């Protein structure tokens, strides 16, 4: 079988493209998280940039500079507030920890023993530590080294994340300024490679990313704000810090109870029953309304992906890729879901249009 010269040239060209693409990925690998963040930020705020560009009579450089400054303020101000809250509450937390180390934990409240399943065992262990400070200190010291390693790893990850986020804001300036021309070139490339279907998949990826930002990130911010308001009314110290913490854990399904439950238990341990009941009702209303009404509505605006796949994409993406997986996971699932749906739909149509074979 004879292979034409044109086909050989195509194979050589494809091989060169693969090698070139692999080399580019290797070179850009240290900056891939920042580039992905810049892409997400630019896509989700692109309508605002175009509106601003129109108001500035097409001066894209000035509009890009203003949008970049707005992104920097929008991202750095919450981080500054979070850092200030941590610093403000750290001394209080440290003094509490030192007091526990010096005097041992306080006696357990009576309601601990009435907790289902593990209440009696917890009461026994807590009461034993409360009456034997030396054993308590020995037990804590044995677990101090692993806890320190975990805290160091978490701190390192947070530091890398802040660095990537800062770099992504800078890169976003160029995405804003040159994004229109880049989008045209990308569309032409996708059209040559995959045709009309490729353009549809590109649009699916974009709309899914926007839907995840509005549906997951937007509702997480809303839950954090409502948590801060509720804890402020309940008289809980550090409501702003706890609200920001709620925003972070609300990015994953069933995350907010990780903040709500300890705070409510803390209020009950101080016999602040009224405030605890208020927070329980507030938390149930907030979680129900946001998770079951607001979040599905926002996600449905940007993506036709079923809500179950959105949640699976969020959790699986975070596990596989880190925080950036919050957006990559649902986007990849949305593209795959669209491809499978179009293929199966085409096969069903082919079966309907194909006449049955004679028997």
Foldseek 3Di string as FASTA:
>chain_A
DDDDPVVVVVVVVVVVVVVVVVVVCVVCVVLVLLQLLLVLVCLLCVVVLVVVCVVVVNPQLVSLVVVLVVLCCVPVVLVVVLVVLCVVCVVVVVVVVVVCLVQNDAQFDPCQCVDPPCSVVVNVVRNVRNVPSVVVNVVCVVCVVVVVVVVVVVVVVVVSVVVSNVSSSVVNSVCRRCVVVVVVVVVVVQCVVPNPLSVVLVLQLSLQSNLLCCQQLVLLLVQLVLQLVLCVVLVNPSSNNLSVVSSVQSSAPPRNCVSLVVSLVVCVRVVVPVSSVSSVVSVVVSCCCSVPPVNVVSNVRRHPDDPVQLNVQQVVLCVVPNNSSNSVRSSVVRSVVVVVVVVVVVVVVVVVPDDDDDD
